[in-house]
Amino acid sequence: MHRSTACHEVDALLICNRIKPHTKFTGEVQSGLLKMLTVGLGKQAGAETYHRAVRTHSFDDLIREAANCVMSTVPVLGGIAILEGEQKGVVDLRAFPASQIMSEEPLWLQRAAGLMPRLPLEEIDLLIVNEIGKELSGTGLDTNVVGRKFHDHSSTDQDWCRTKLIHIRSLTPATSGNATGIGIAEFTLASAAAEVDWKKTAVNSITAGHPTAAMCPIVMETDREVVDAALNIVGPECRMVHITNTLALQRFWISESCVPQLQKQEPSARIAQDADYYSRQLTGFTA
């Protein structure tokens, strides 16, 4: 098993990570302390090994078995579990001794799943995302939120929502050019593509066993070209939703064709008209 040499140079090891649904895998254990004990401490070589093994083994079983092996050979004192809500606010934080991590993490994952942000509609034709970044999600935009957990370019019955097309407008400054997840989208702007460090993005995506996450979508000069393309693909009743990122879903824009669905799913939602939306929020449109 691969692990950082630093593990054997300390008197005690305290693992810290947020507990949340994984962007690709399912199970009672997903992203959290056990994953940090194995994939995290394994560094790049370890991450590559685990992601390769998960193609033929259960992620849940693999992580549990590997974590048991690590805890039997490394002085793990315990772990600090973090739960986050929308906008990355800390909802809960707790320390567990090493002996309780295996039993407590599945319970915290259930809580985390209930706190996951959700898009306002179950059926979306064009999802416009202002920004993606590694600090927002391991895949830049959370696949649990946008309905792409099980397939990069189509939603399944297991996804909360179904999105036909995704358009990415930019990268966050904090992601430093790492655009992992951009390949999940169908469209992006030329200005966003110019921000990408393609080598860094490729290394991250290959290490995670998800090379398609680094692929380049169709590149357009303006948002208007993307909207026109979506209308051509879907038709004039295109249901369009525009969000800041997959952690910020308290305020968003929708096209008029989405209003009936939103009122049915979210009766308490406050809806206000924005007559200048296209010219103020998107490029390529004039007032």
Protein backbone atom coordinates (compact mmCIF):
# COMPACT_ATOMS: atom_id res chain seq x y z
CA MET A 1 0.00 0.00 0.00
CA HIS A 2 1.17 3.51 -0.82
CA ARG A 3 1.31 6.09 1.95
CA SER A 4 3.17 9.28 2.74
CA THR A 5 6.48 8.76 4.54
CA ALA A 6 5.35 11.46 6.98
CA CYS A 7 2.89 8.93 8.45
CA HIS A 8 5.79 7.04 9.99
CA GLU A 9 7.61 10.13 11.24
CA VAL A 10 4.94 11.34 13.67
CA ASP A 11 3.92 10.19 17.15
CA ALA A 12 0.21 10.46 16.34
CA LEU A 13 -1.94 11.23 13.32
CA LEU A 14 -5.21 13.18 13.41
CA ILE A 15 -7.25 12.98 10.20
CA CYS A 16 -9.51 15.88 9.23
CA ASN A 17 -11.95 16.01 6.32
CA ARG A 18 -15.45 17.07 5.37
CA ILE A 19 -17.98 14.23 5.07
CA LYS A 20 -20.03 14.34 1.88
CA PRO A 21 -21.36 12.22 -0.99
CA HIS A 22 -18.67 11.29 -3.51
CA THR A 23 -19.04 12.76 -7.00
CA LYS A 24 -18.66 9.35 -8.65
CA PHE A 25 -19.03 6.46 -6.21
CA THR A 26 -21.84 5.23 -3.96
CA GLY A 27 -21.95 3.29 -0.69
CA GLU A 28 -22.16 3.76 3.07
CA VAL A 29 -18.69 5.32 2.97
CA GLN A 30 -17.86 7.91 0.29
CA SER A 31 -15.83 11.11 0.78
CA GLY A 32 -14.61 11.55 4.32
CA LEU A 33 -12.15 10.41 6.96
CA LEU A 34 -11.67 6.86 5.69
CA LYS A 35 -10.98 8.13 2.19
CA MET A 36 -8.45 10.60 3.60
CA LEU A 37 -6.75 7.75 5.49
CA THR A 38 -6.31 5.79 2.28
CA VAL A 39 -6.46 7.91 -0.88
CA GLY A 40 -5.25 11.07 0.85
CA LEU A 41 -2.31 9.54 2.72
CA GLY A 42 -1.49 7.48 -0.36
CA LYS A 43 -0.59 10.68 -2.24
CA GLN A 44 -0.68 10.56 -6.07
CA ALA A 45 0.59 6.98 -6.40
CA GLY A 46 -1.93 5.75 -3.85
CA ALA A 47 -4.79 7.69 -5.41
CA GLU A 48 -4.01 6.16 -8.80
CA THR A 49 -3.91 2.65 -7.30
CA TYR A 50 -7.23 3.00 -5.45
CA HIS A 51 -9.04 4.57 -8.39
CA ARG A 52 -7.75 1.80 -10.63
CA ALA A 53 -8.87 -0.89 -8.18
CA VAL A 54 -12.36 0.57 -7.82
CA ARG A 55 -13.08 -0.29 -11.44
CA THR A 56 -13.39 -3.94 -10.39
CA HIS A 57 -14.11 -3.68 -6.64
CA SER A 58 -16.69 -1.95 -4.47
CA PHE A 59 -15.47 1.52 -3.44
CA ASP A 60 -17.08 1.04 -0.03
CA ASP A 61 -15.41 -2.34 0.63
CA LEU A 62 -12.07 -1.19 -0.78
CA ILE A 63 -11.86 1.94 1.38
CA ARG A 64 -12.92 0.12 4.55
CA GLU A 65 -10.38 -2.68 4.09
CA ALA A 66 -7.57 -0.29 3.19
CA ALA A 67 -8.40 2.01 6.12
CA ASN A 68 -8.28 -0.93 8.54
CA CYS A 69 -4.83 -1.79 7.20
CA VAL A 70 -3.61 1.80 7.61
CA MET A 71 -4.94 2.09 11.17
CA SER A 72 -3.20 -1.14 12.14
CA THR A 73 0.20 0.13 11.02
CA VAL A 74 0.04 3.93 11.47
CA PRO A 75 -0.47 5.72 14.84
CA VAL A 76 -3.92 7.18 14.04
CA LEU A 77 -5.20 9.07 17.09
CA GLY A 78 -8.59 9.86 15.60
CA GLY A 79 -10.42 12.02 13.11
CA ILE A 80 -12.24 15.35 12.89
CA ALA A 81 -15.41 15.16 10.81
CA ILE A 82 -16.87 18.31 9.23
CA LEU A 83 -20.36 18.81 7.83
CA GLU A 84 -20.97 21.71 5.47
CA GLY A 85 -24.13 23.32 4.17
CA GLU A 86 -24.65 25.71 1.27
CA GLN A 87 -21.94 28.33 0.67
CA LYS A 88 -19.46 26.01 2.51
CA GLY A 89 -20.78 27.00 5.93
CA VAL A 90 -19.80 24.59 8.72
CA VAL A 91 -22.94 22.96 10.12
CA ASP A 92 -21.26 20.55 12.53
CA LEU A 93 -17.77 19.49 13.54
CA ARG A 94 -16.78 16.61 15.81
CA ALA A 95 -13.71 14.64 16.83
CA PHE A 96 -13.79 10.84 17.04
CA PRO A 97 -11.22 8.39 18.40
CA ALA A 98 -9.81 6.05 15.77
CA SER A 99 -11.94 3.18 17.09
CA GLN A 100 -15.17 5.03 16.22
CA ILE A 101 -14.36 6.37 12.74
CA MET A 102 -15.53 3.22 10.95
CA SER A 103 -18.94 3.21 12.67
CA GLU A 104 -19.58 6.96 12.83
CA GLU A 105 -18.72 7.99 9.28
CA PRO A 106 -21.72 6.24 7.60
CA LEU A 107 -24.05 8.09 10.00
CA TRP A 108 -22.45 11.41 9.17
CA LEU A 109 -22.69 10.64 5.46
CA GLN A 110 -26.46 10.25 5.84
CA ARG A 111 -26.61 13.68 7.46
CA ALA A 112 -24.40 15.15 4.75
CA ALA A 113 -26.65 13.79 2.01
CA GLY A 114 -29.59 15.59 3.60
CA LEU A 115 -27.65 18.87 3.57
CA MET A 116 -26.64 18.66 -0.10
CA PRO A 117 -27.66 21.71 -2.15
CA ARG A 118 -30.20 20.88 -4.84
CA LEU A 119 -31.07 22.54 -8.11
CA PRO A 120 -34.58 24.02 -8.07
CA LEU A 121 -35.92 21.89 -10.93
CA GLU A 122 -35.87 18.20 -11.78
CA GLU A 123 -35.84 18.78 -15.55
CA ILE A 124 -33.37 21.29 -17.02
CA ASP A 125 -32.48 21.73 -20.68
CA LEU A 126 -29.59 24.21 -20.28
CA LEU A 127 -27.75 24.75 -17.01
CA ILE A 128 -25.46 27.79 -17.03
CA VAL A 129 -22.76 27.70 -14.33
CA ASN A 130 -20.83 30.90 -13.66
CA GLU A 131 -17.80 29.19 -12.12
CA ILE A 132 -16.23 25.84 -11.28
CA GLY A 133 -13.27 25.13 -9.01
CA LYS A 134 -11.57 22.47 -6.91
CA GLU A 135 -12.45 24.29 -3.68
CA LEU A 136 -16.12 23.94 -4.62
CA SER A 137 -16.02 20.25 -5.53
CA GLY A 138 -13.51 17.59 -6.49
CA THR A 139 -15.05 17.69 -9.94
CA GLY A 140 -15.26 21.48 -10.11
CA LEU A 141 -19.04 21.34 -10.18
CA ASP A 142 -20.71 18.77 -7.93
CA THR A 143 -22.08 15.93 -10.05
CA ASN A 144 -24.55 15.09 -7.26
CA VAL A 145 -26.08 18.54 -7.79
CA VAL A 146 -26.11 18.75 -11.59
CA GLY A 147 -27.29 15.19 -12.25
CA ARG A 148 -24.09 13.80 -13.78
CA LYS A 149 -22.86 11.42 -11.04
CA PHE A 150 -23.18 8.23 -13.07
CA HIS A 151 -22.48 9.51 -16.60
CA ASP A 152 -20.62 12.62 -17.73
CA HIS A 153 -23.07 13.63 -20.43
CA SER A 154 -26.46 12.27 -19.46
CA SER A 155 -28.53 12.01 -16.31
CA THR A 156 -29.96 8.73 -15.04
CA ASP A 157 -32.96 7.72 -12.94
CA GLN A 158 -30.62 7.65 -9.92
CA ASP A 159 -29.82 11.36 -10.26
CA TRP A 160 -31.88 13.96 -8.41
CA CYS A 161 -32.26 16.12 -11.50
CA ARG A 162 -31.83 15.64 -15.23
CA THR A 163 -29.80 18.19 -17.17
CA LYS A 164 -29.49 17.94 -20.95
CA LEU A 165 -26.80 20.58 -21.50
CA ILE A 166 -24.28 22.31 -19.21
CA HIS A 167 -22.39 25.53 -19.95
CA ILE A 168 -19.39 26.64 -17.85
CA ARG A 169 -18.52 30.35 -17.96
CA SER A 170 -15.31 30.61 -15.89
CA LEU A 171 -12.93 29.13 -13.32
CA THR A 172 -12.58 30.37 -9.76
CA PRO A 173 -9.30 32.16 -8.96
CA ALA A 174 -8.64 29.68 -6.13
CA THR A 175 -8.60 26.68 -8.48
CA SER A 176 -5.41 28.06 -10.12
CA GLY A 177 -6.20 26.73 -13.59
CA ASN A 178 -7.25 23.26 -12.43
CA ALA A 179 -10.42 22.79 -14.47
CA THR A 180 -11.13 19.18 -13.52
CA GLY A 181 -14.81 18.66 -14.32
CA ILE A 182 -14.92 20.96 -17.33
CA GLY A 183 -15.28 17.85 -19.49
CA ILE A 184 -18.64 17.15 -17.86
CA ALA A 185 -20.04 20.22 -19.62
CA GLU A 186 -21.13 20.44 -23.24
CA PHE A 187 -20.17 24.13 -23.66
CA THR A 188 -17.70 26.64 -22.29
CA LEU A 189 -16.53 30.15 -23.17
CA ALA A 190 -13.24 30.84 -24.93
CA SER A 191 -12.30 33.07 -21.99
CA ALA A 192 -12.80 30.12 -19.61
CA ALA A 193 -10.78 27.75 -21.81
CA ALA A 194 -7.95 30.30 -21.78
CA GLU A 195 -7.85 30.12 -17.96
CA VAL A 196 -7.28 26.36 -17.93
CA ASP A 197 -3.96 24.79 -17.00
CA TRP A 198 -4.50 21.73 -19.17
CA LYS A 199 -1.50 19.81 -17.81
CA LYS A 200 -2.57 20.27 -14.19
CA THR A 201 -6.15 19.37 -15.12
CA ALA A 202 -5.03 16.23 -16.94
CA VAL A 203 -2.84 15.03 -14.04
CA ASN A 204 -5.71 15.49 -11.57
CA SER A 205 -8.27 13.75 -13.78
CA ILE A 206 -6.01 10.83 -14.67
CA THR A 207 -5.03 10.34 -11.02
CA ALA A 208 -8.73 10.19 -10.13
CA GLY A 209 -9.34 7.62 -12.87
CA HIS A 210 -11.69 10.07 -14.57
CA PRO A 211 -9.86 11.29 -17.71
CA THR A 212 -13.02 12.54 -19.41
CA ALA A 213 -13.31 15.19 -16.68
CA ALA A 214 -10.39 17.00 -18.36
CA MET A 215 -11.79 16.99 -21.88
CA CYS A 216 -12.57 20.30 -23.53
CA PRO A 217 -16.23 21.06 -24.27
CA ILE A 218 -17.42 22.97 -27.34
CA VAL A 219 -15.86 26.43 -27.05
CA MET A 220 -17.96 29.50 -27.85
CA GLU A 221 -16.97 33.16 -27.86
CA THR A 222 -20.14 34.44 -26.16
CA ASP A 223 -22.97 33.17 -23.99
CA ARG A 224 -25.41 34.10 -26.72
CA GLU A 225 -23.84 31.52 -29.04
CA VAL A 226 -24.37 28.89 -26.35
CA VAL A 227 -28.00 29.89 -25.79
CA ASP A 228 -28.62 29.85 -29.55
CA ALA A 229 -27.05 26.38 -29.77
CA ALA A 230 -29.23 25.12 -26.92
CA LEU A 231 -32.35 26.52 -28.58
CA ASN A 232 -31.34 24.77 -31.79
CA ILE A 233 -30.87 21.45 -29.94
CA VAL A 234 -33.80 21.58 -27.53
CA GLY A 235 -36.28 23.95 -29.16
CA PRO A 236 -37.86 27.31 -28.28
CA GLU A 237 -39.27 26.09 -24.94
CA CYS A 238 -35.75 25.47 -23.60
CA ARG A 239 -35.82 25.31 -19.80
CA MET A 240 -32.79 27.35 -18.76
CA VAL A 241 -31.36 27.68 -15.24
CA HIS A 242 -28.41 29.94 -14.39
CA ILE A 243 -26.47 29.47 -11.12
CA THR A 244 -23.30 30.95 -9.61
CA ASN A 245 -21.81 27.55 -8.66
CA THR A 246 -23.02 24.25 -7.24
CA LEU A 247 -22.61 25.45 -3.65
CA ALA A 248 -24.59 28.67 -4.11
CA LEU A 249 -28.17 27.75 -4.95
CA GLN A 250 -30.18 30.13 -2.80
CA ARG A 251 -30.47 32.64 -5.64
CA PHE A 252 -30.59 31.77 -9.34
CA TRP A 253 -32.11 32.74 -12.64
CA ILE A 254 -34.62 30.71 -14.65
CA SER A 255 -36.26 31.14 -18.03
CA GLU A 256 -40.01 31.75 -18.20
CA SER A 257 -40.56 28.18 -19.38
CA CYS A 258 -39.31 26.95 -15.96
CA VAL A 259 -41.82 28.90 -13.87
CA PRO A 260 -44.66 26.32 -13.81
CA GLN A 261 -42.26 23.54 -12.75
CA LEU A 262 -40.66 25.73 -10.06
CA GLN A 263 -44.02 26.77 -8.62
CA LYS A 264 -45.03 23.11 -8.41
CA GLN A 265 -41.78 21.89 -6.82
CA GLU A 266 -41.03 24.93 -4.66
CA PRO A 267 -44.34 26.68 -3.84
CA SER A 268 -42.61 29.03 -1.38
CA ALA A 269 -40.00 30.23 -3.91
CA ARG A 270 -39.93 33.99 -4.46
CA ILE A 271 -39.91 34.85 -8.16
CA ALA A 272 -39.01 38.31 -9.50
CA GLN A 273 -38.74 39.42 -13.11
CA ASP A 274 -35.41 40.67 -14.45
CA ALA A 275 -36.07 42.45 -17.72
CA ASP A 276 -32.37 43.18 -18.32
CA TYR A 277 -31.11 39.71 -17.41
CA TYR A 278 -29.58 38.80 -20.77
CA SER A 279 -27.67 42.04 -21.26
CA ARG A 280 -26.50 42.26 -17.63
CA GLN A 281 -25.66 38.64 -16.84
CA LEU A 282 -24.56 37.12 -20.16
CA THR A 283 -22.19 38.12 -22.96
CA GLY A 284 -23.21 38.69 -26.57
CA PHE A 285 -26.58 40.25 -25.76
CA THR A 286 -27.42 43.95 -26.03
CA ALA A 287 -29.86 45.91 -23.87
